[in-house]
Amino acid sequence: MTELVITVEREEPATLVVLRGDLDLLTAPELRECLVKVIDEDARIVVDLEAVDFLDSAGLGILVGGLKRARTRGGELELVCTSGDVLKPLEITGLDRVFTIHPGREAALRSGAS
């Protein structure tokens, strides 16, 4: 059984959504629910994928949906990711050119501070 642990932290100038575990067909609805809630509350969302072990098309779909939702509200959804296992599906689908992808949490938070 796959598990996804989601932690939401308020880190000026963004809301940080930290994921740990597998982001797949079974766990993607949990992330969708979380993103709907935080996107309604904040303009800039940073999703930290550093502790994600597996990402499939359902997970990608939720991230894209979150990005669209954020942008329609004048905000942004950015990713933190360095793992090849997670970056590969983003690169294969071309989503690495759609999302802003940061090499670490600190870099992501610094980029929004300017």
Protein backbone atom coordinates (compact mmCIF):
# COMPACT_ATOMS: atom_id res chain seq x y z
CA MET A 1 0.00 0.00 0.00
CA THR A 2 1.25 3.43 -0.89
CA GLU A 3 1.24 6.26 1.56
CA LEU A 4 1.61 9.99 1.18
CA VAL A 5 2.28 12.29 4.12
CA ILE A 6 1.44 15.95 3.51
CA THR A 7 2.65 18.76 5.75
CA VAL A 8 1.65 22.39 5.18
CA GLU A 9 3.88 25.13 6.57
CA ARG A 10 3.51 28.89 6.24
CA GLU A 11 6.92 30.21 5.17
CA GLU A 12 6.88 33.83 4.06
CA PRO A 13 6.56 34.60 1.20
CA ALA A 14 4.89 31.27 0.37
CA THR A 15 2.91 28.34 1.64
CA LEU A 16 5.10 25.26 1.64
CA VAL A 17 3.47 21.90 0.94
CA VAL A 18 5.90 19.13 1.85
CA LEU A 19 5.21 15.65 0.48
CA ARG A 20 6.72 12.38 1.68
CA GLY A 21 6.01 8.99 0.11
CA ASP A 22 4.39 8.01 -3.18
CA LEU A 23 2.36 10.43 -5.29
CA ASP A 24 0.25 8.10 -7.40
CA LEU A 25 -3.29 7.17 -8.37
CA LEU A 26 -4.18 6.16 -4.81
CA THR A 27 -2.68 9.17 -3.02
CA ALA A 28 -3.23 11.94 -5.59
CA PRO A 29 -6.73 12.82 -4.28
CA GLU A 30 -5.18 13.71 -0.88
CA LEU A 31 -2.88 16.21 -2.58
CA ARG A 32 -5.73 17.61 -4.68
CA GLU A 33 -7.76 18.28 -1.53
CA CYS A 34 -4.80 19.96 0.15
CA LEU A 35 -3.97 22.14 -2.88
CA VAL A 36 -7.58 23.29 -3.27
CA LYS A 37 -7.50 24.47 0.33
CA VAL A 38 -4.13 26.23 0.31
CA ILE A 39 -4.46 27.77 -3.15
CA ASP A 40 -7.65 29.47 -2.03
CA GLU A 41 -5.71 30.99 0.86
CA ASP A 42 -2.40 31.98 -0.71
CA ALA A 43 -1.03 33.30 -3.97
CA ARG A 44 2.30 31.45 -3.94
CA ILE A 45 2.55 27.72 -3.26
CA VAL A 46 5.81 25.76 -3.16
CA VAL A 47 5.41 21.97 -3.33
CA ASP A 48 8.47 20.19 -1.93
CA LEU A 49 8.89 16.84 -3.70
CA GLU A 50 12.31 16.02 -2.20
CA ALA A 51 10.96 13.11 -0.12
CA VAL A 52 8.66 11.74 -2.85
CA ASP A 53 9.76 8.23 -3.85
CA PHE A 54 7.43 7.72 -6.80
CA LEU A 55 5.46 10.03 -9.12
CA ASP A 56 3.02 8.78 -11.76
CA SER A 57 0.69 10.41 -14.28
CA ALA A 58 -2.07 10.85 -11.69
CA GLY A 59 0.33 12.79 -9.49
CA LEU A 60 1.47 14.88 -12.45
CA GLY A 61 -2.16 15.64 -13.26
CA ILE A 62 -2.82 16.91 -9.75
CA LEU A 63 0.26 19.16 -9.90
CA VAL A 64 -0.81 20.58 -13.28
CA GLY A 65 -4.35 21.13 -11.98
CA GLY A 66 -2.91 22.94 -8.95
CA LEU A 67 -0.77 25.13 -11.19
CA LYS A 68 -3.78 26.09 -13.33
CA ARG A 69 -5.88 26.80 -10.24
CA ALA A 70 -3.14 28.98 -8.73
CA ARG A 71 -2.61 30.91 -11.95
CA THR A 72 -6.32 31.61 -12.42
CA ARG A 73 -6.18 33.27 -8.98
CA GLY A 74 -3.14 35.36 -9.89
CA GLY A 75 -0.75 33.08 -8.01
CA GLU A 76 1.87 30.48 -8.77
CA LEU A 77 2.66 26.88 -7.89
CA GLU A 78 6.36 25.99 -7.89
CA LEU A 79 8.21 22.76 -7.20
CA VAL A 80 11.28 21.76 -5.20
CA CYS A 81 12.85 18.68 -6.75
CA THR A 82 16.30 17.19 -7.35
CA SER A 83 15.49 13.45 -7.43
CA GLY A 84 15.97 11.85 -10.83
CA ASP A 85 13.05 9.48 -10.19
CA VAL A 86 10.73 12.46 -9.81
CA LEU A 87 12.35 14.78 -12.34
CA LYS A 88 12.28 12.17 -15.11
CA PRO A 89 8.46 12.10 -15.53
CA LEU A 90 8.46 15.91 -15.43
CA GLU A 91 11.10 16.01 -18.18
CA ILE A 92 9.49 13.30 -20.33
CA THR A 93 6.17 15.15 -20.33
CA GLY A 94 7.78 18.56 -20.87
CA LEU A 95 6.39 19.79 -17.55
CA ASP A 96 9.90 20.77 -16.45
CA ARG A 97 9.43 23.72 -18.84
CA VAL A 98 5.98 24.55 -17.44
CA PHE A 99 6.78 24.53 -13.73
CA THR A 100 9.41 26.59 -11.95
CA ILE A 101 11.59 23.88 -10.37
CA HIS A 102 13.95 24.82 -7.56
CA PRO A 103 17.00 22.79 -6.42
CA GLY A 104 16.05 23.16 -2.75
CA ARG A 105 13.54 24.59 -0.31
CA GLU A 106 15.75 27.53 0.67
CA ALA A 107 16.28 28.49 -2.99
CA ALA A 108 12.54 28.40 -3.58
CA LEU A 109 11.77 30.60 -0.61
CA ARG A 110 14.58 33.04 -1.47
CA SER A 111 13.36 33.41 -5.06
CA GLY A 112 9.96 34.58 -3.86
CA ALA A 113 11.39 37.06 -1.41
CA SER A 114 12.73 39.31 -4.14
